[in-house]
């Protein structure tokens, strides 16, 4: 496999693990210095802003508590160039609070030396806020 196909495969594997609540397996695909940025204002949405590697673990464990059965993920597009992989996703799962979480994502991952070094997540933050506050 060429480097771009390898990066695409790693990005998809990581996202599948994260959406399935396989937190330790997902974390093993991250660099020790990885960051994860989520769209939104941190003072208005707790998950928004840039997270360090240890905060990423808390973020993924929070997702596991919110959607204990994980989410079904459908990839609707993927583009890669160099160390960057952009993935479009639609995901749905049953929340612990009885709500259905169904969101659309654009996630940009940067990969170096076989590990993910950064994640940039764009999603419908209003839907997330609505589900969390229900």
C-alpha atoms as a PDB file:
ATOM      1  CA  UNK A   1       0.000   0.000   0.000  1.00  0.00           C
ATOM      2  CA  UNK A   2       1.287   3.490  -0.782  1.00  0.00           C
ATOM      3  CA  UNK A   3       1.655   6.052   2.061  1.00  0.00           C
ATOM      4  CA  UNK A   4      -1.600   7.870   1.274  1.00  0.00           C
ATOM      5  CA  UNK A   5      -3.618   4.635   1.310  1.00  0.00           C
ATOM      6  CA  UNK A   6      -1.885   3.647   4.560  1.00  0.00           C
ATOM      7  CA  UNK A   7      -2.847   6.994   6.119  1.00  0.00           C
ATOM      8  CA  UNK A   8      -6.454   6.622   4.948  1.00  0.00           C
ATOM      9  CA  UNK A   9      -6.639   3.136   6.441  1.00  0.00           C
ATOM     10  CA  UNK A  10      -5.249   4.356   9.782  1.00  0.00           C
ATOM     11  CA  UNK A  11      -7.672   7.301   9.876  1.00  0.00           C
ATOM     12  CA  UNK A  12     -10.678   5.062   9.204  1.00  0.00           C
ATOM     13  CA  UNK A  13      -9.518   2.452  11.703  1.00  0.00           C
ATOM     14  CA  UNK A  14      -9.067   5.101  14.410  1.00  0.00           C
ATOM     15  CA  UNK A  15     -12.495   6.638  13.783  1.00  0.00           C
ATOM     16  CA  UNK A  16     -14.226   3.243  13.734  1.00  0.00           C
ATOM     17  CA  UNK A  17     -12.616   2.388  17.078  1.00  0.00           C
ATOM     18  CA  UNK A  18     -13.513   5.759  18.601  1.00  0.00           C
ATOM     19  CA  UNK A  19     -17.154   5.626  17.457  1.00  0.00           C
ATOM     20  CA  UNK A  20     -17.407   2.009  18.725  1.00  0.00           C
ATOM     21  CA  UNK A  21     -16.211   3.089  22.207  1.00  0.00           C
ATOM     22  CA  UNK A  22     -13.033   1.025  21.933  1.00  0.00           C
ATOM     23  CA  UNK A  23     -11.188   3.788  23.740  1.00  0.00           C
ATOM     24  CA  UNK A  24      -7.884   2.040  24.529  1.00  0.00           C
ATOM     25  CA  UNK A  25      -7.595   0.699  20.985  1.00  0.00           C
ATOM     26  CA  UNK A  26      -8.353   4.157  19.541  1.00  0.00           C
ATOM     27  CA  UNK A  27      -5.835   5.832  21.850  1.00  0.00           C
ATOM     28  CA  UNK A  28      -3.121   3.406  20.712  1.00  0.00           C
ATOM     29  CA  UNK A  29      -3.348   4.982  17.241  1.00  0.00           C
ATOM     30  CA  UNK A  30      -2.510   8.464  18.619  1.00  0.00           C
ATOM     31  CA  UNK A  31       0.897  10.035  19.044  1.00  0.00           C
ATOM     32  CA  UNK A  32       1.831  10.859  22.663  1.00  0.00           C
ATOM     33  CA  UNK A  33       1.732  14.551  21.635  1.00  0.00           C
ATOM     34  CA  UNK A  34      -1.548  14.333  19.705  1.00  0.00           C
ATOM     35  CA  UNK A  35      -4.093  17.140  19.895  1.00  0.00           C
ATOM     36  CA  UNK A  36      -7.812  17.151  19.118  1.00  0.00           C
ATOM     37  CA  UNK A  37      -9.633  20.373  18.261  1.00  0.00           C
ATOM     38  CA  UNK A  38     -13.443  20.473  18.269  1.00  0.00           C
ATOM     39  CA  UNK A  39     -15.462  23.250  16.625  1.00  0.00           C
ATOM     40  CA  UNK A  40     -17.165  25.661  19.012  1.00  0.00           C
ATOM     41  CA  UNK A  41     -16.543  27.990  21.911  1.00  0.00           C
ATOM     42  CA  UNK A  42     -15.196  26.157  24.984  1.00  0.00           C
ATOM     43  CA  UNK A  43     -17.077  28.483  27.347  1.00  0.00           C
ATOM     44  CA  UNK A  44     -20.362  27.458  25.666  1.00  0.00           C
ATOM     45  CA  UNK A  45     -19.632  23.810  24.775  1.00  0.00           C
ATOM     46  CA  UNK A  46     -17.416  21.782  27.097  1.00  0.00           C
ATOM     47  CA  UNK A  47     -15.968  19.542  24.367  1.00  0.00           C
ATOM     48  CA  UNK A  48     -14.973  22.482  22.127  1.00  0.00           C
ATOM     49  CA  UNK A  49     -11.450  23.793  21.712  1.00  0.00           C
ATOM     50  CA  UNK A  50      -8.067  22.080  21.652  1.00  0.00           C
ATOM     51  CA  UNK A  51      -7.480  19.015  23.801  1.00  0.00           C
ATOM     52  CA  UNK A  52      -4.185  17.406  24.819  1.00  0.00           C
ATOM     53  CA  UNK A  53      -3.574  13.646  24.695  1.00  0.00           C
ATOM     54  CA  UNK A  54      -4.816  13.127  28.272  1.00  0.00           C
ATOM     55  CA  UNK A  55      -7.881  15.287  27.599  1.00  0.00           C
ATOM     56  CA  UNK A  56      -8.576  13.236  24.457  1.00  0.00           C
ATOM     57  CA  UNK A  57      -8.864  10.144  26.637  1.00  0.00           C
ATOM     58  CA  UNK A  58     -11.426  11.937  28.838  1.00  0.00           C
ATOM     59  CA  UNK A  59     -13.281  13.123  25.714  1.00  0.00           C
ATOM     60  CA  UNK A  60     -13.550   9.570  24.349  1.00  0.00           C
ATOM     61  CA  UNK A  61     -14.616   8.172  27.726  1.00  0.00           C
ATOM     62  CA  UNK A  62     -17.262  10.915  27.899  1.00  0.00           C
ATOM     63  CA  UNK A  63     -18.541   9.793  24.497  1.00  0.00           C
ATOM     64  CA  UNK A  64     -18.683   6.243  25.835  1.00  0.00           C
ATOM     65  CA  UNK A  65     -20.833   7.403  28.773  1.00  0.00           C
ATOM     66  CA  UNK A  66     -23.070   9.499  26.497  1.00  0.00           C
ATOM     67  CA  UNK A  67     -23.610   6.746  23.894  1.00  0.00           C
ATOM     68  CA  UNK A  68     -22.849   3.513  25.781  1.00  0.00           C
ATOM     69  CA  UNK A  69     -23.574   1.223  22.824  1.00  0.00           C
ATOM     70  CA  UNK A  70     -21.316   3.175  20.504  1.00  0.00           C
ATOM     71  CA  UNK A  71     -22.388   4.718  17.223  1.00  0.00           C
ATOM     72  CA  UNK A  72     -22.935   3.333  13.783  1.00  0.00           C
ATOM     73  CA  UNK A  73     -20.629   5.250  11.469  1.00  0.00           C
ATOM     74  CA  UNK A  74     -21.168   5.714   7.743  1.00  0.00           C
ATOM     75  CA  UNK A  75     -18.307   7.244   5.789  1.00  0.00           C
ATOM     76  CA  UNK A  76     -19.726   9.488   3.079  1.00  0.00           C
ATOM     77  CA  UNK A  77     -16.409  10.755   1.734  1.00  0.00           C
ATOM     78  CA  UNK A  78     -12.657  10.532   2.206  1.00  0.00           C
ATOM     79  CA  UNK A  79      -9.843  12.556   0.688  1.00  0.00           C
ATOM     80  CA  UNK A  80      -6.131  12.315   1.415  1.00  0.00           C
ATOM     81  CA  UNK A  81      -3.030  14.220   0.459  1.00  0.00           C
ATOM     82  CA  UNK A  82       0.354  13.820   2.075  1.00  0.00           C
ATOM     83  CA  UNK A  83      -0.049  13.475   5.832  1.00  0.00           C
ATOM     84  CA  UNK A  84      -3.629  14.835   5.868  1.00  0.00           C
ATOM     85  CA  UNK A  85      -6.785  12.720   5.657  1.00  0.00           C
ATOM     86  CA  UNK A  86     -10.249  14.336   5.524  1.00  0.00           C
ATOM     87  CA  UNK A  87     -13.205  12.098   6.372  1.00  0.00           C
ATOM     88  CA  UNK A  88     -16.910  12.920   6.088  1.00  0.00           C
ATOM     89  CA  UNK A  89     -19.088  10.836   8.397  1.00  0.00           C
ATOM     90  CA  UNK A  90     -22.685  10.402   9.430  1.00  0.00           C
ATOM     91  CA  UNK A  91     -23.046   8.709  12.836  1.00  0.00           C
ATOM     92  CA  UNK A  92     -25.951   7.619  14.976  1.00  0.00           C
ATOM     93  CA  UNK A  93     -26.381   6.017  18.380  1.00  0.00           C
ATOM     94  CA  UNK A  94     -28.713   5.676  21.350  1.00  0.00           C
ATOM     95  CA  UNK A  95     -27.808   8.015  24.208  1.00  0.00           C
ATOM     96  CA  UNK A  96     -27.872   7.086  27.871  1.00  0.00           C
ATOM     97  CA  UNK A  97     -30.478   9.854  28.386  1.00  0.00           C
ATOM     98  CA  UNK A  98     -32.898   8.200  25.936  1.00  0.00           C
ATOM     99  CA  UNK A  99     -32.212  10.589  23.059  1.00  0.00           C
ATOM    100  CA  UNK A 100     -31.011   9.546  19.612  1.00  0.00           C
ATOM    101  CA  UNK A 101     -27.726  11.136  18.637  1.00  0.00           C
ATOM    102  CA  UNK A 102     -27.412  11.578  14.872  1.00  0.00           C
ATOM    103  CA  UNK A 103     -24.712  13.927  13.698  1.00  0.00           C
ATOM    104  CA  UNK A 104     -22.686  14.776  10.607  1.00  0.00           C
ATOM    105  CA  UNK A 105     -18.937  15.240  10.824  1.00  0.00           C
ATOM    106  CA  UNK A 106     -16.008  16.448   8.829  1.00  0.00           C
ATOM    107  CA  UNK A 107     -12.837  15.251  10.530  1.00  0.00           C
ATOM    108  CA  UNK A 108      -9.356  16.200   9.396  1.00  0.00           C
ATOM    109  CA  UNK A 109      -6.561  13.998  10.700  1.00  0.00           C
ATOM    110  CA  UNK A 110      -2.836  14.592  10.375  1.00  0.00           C
ATOM    111  CA  UNK A 111      -0.651  11.471  10.434  1.00  0.00           C
ATOM    112  CA  UNK A 112       3.095  11.220  10.957  1.00  0.00           C
ATOM    113  CA  UNK A 113       5.251   8.120  11.354  1.00  0.00           C
ATOM    114  CA  UNK A 114       2.214   5.849  11.505  1.00  0.00           C
ATOM    115  CA  UNK A 115       0.453   7.739  14.311  1.00  0.00           C
ATOM    116  CA  UNK A 116      -2.232  10.415  14.383  1.00  0.00           C
ATOM    117  CA  UNK A 117      -0.769  13.719  15.573  1.00  0.00           C
ATOM    118  CA  UNK A 118      -3.827  15.931  15.237  1.00  0.00           C
ATOM    119  CA  UNK A 119      -7.564  15.715  14.812  1.00  0.00           C
ATOM    120  CA  UNK A 120      -9.811  18.621  13.791  1.00  0.00           C
ATOM    121  CA  UNK A 121     -13.515  17.872  14.219  1.00  0.00           C
ATOM    122  CA  UNK A 122     -16.320  19.844  12.614  1.00  0.00           C
ATOM    123  CA  UNK A 123     -19.882  18.816  13.503  1.00  0.00           C
ATOM    124  CA  UNK A 124     -23.355  20.158  14.251  1.00  0.00           C
ATOM    125  CA  UNK A 125     -22.629  21.561  17.702  1.00  0.00           C
ATOM    126  CA  UNK A 126     -26.251  22.688  18.165  1.00  0.00           C
ATOM    127  CA  UNK A 127     -27.453  19.082  17.834  1.00  0.00           C
ATOM    128  CA  UNK A 128     -24.819  17.942  20.342  1.00  0.00           C
ATOM    129  CA  UNK A 129     -25.873  20.662  22.773  1.00  0.00           C
ATOM    130  CA  UNK A 130     -29.556  19.781  22.343  1.00  0.00           C
ATOM    131  CA  UNK A 131     -28.932  16.077  23.036  1.00  0.00           C
ATOM    132  CA  UNK A 132     -26.716  16.788  26.043  1.00  0.00           C
ATOM    133  CA  UNK A 133     -29.245  19.135  27.592  1.00  0.00           C
ATOM    134  CA  UNK A 134     -32.277  16.843  27.053  1.00  0.00           C
END
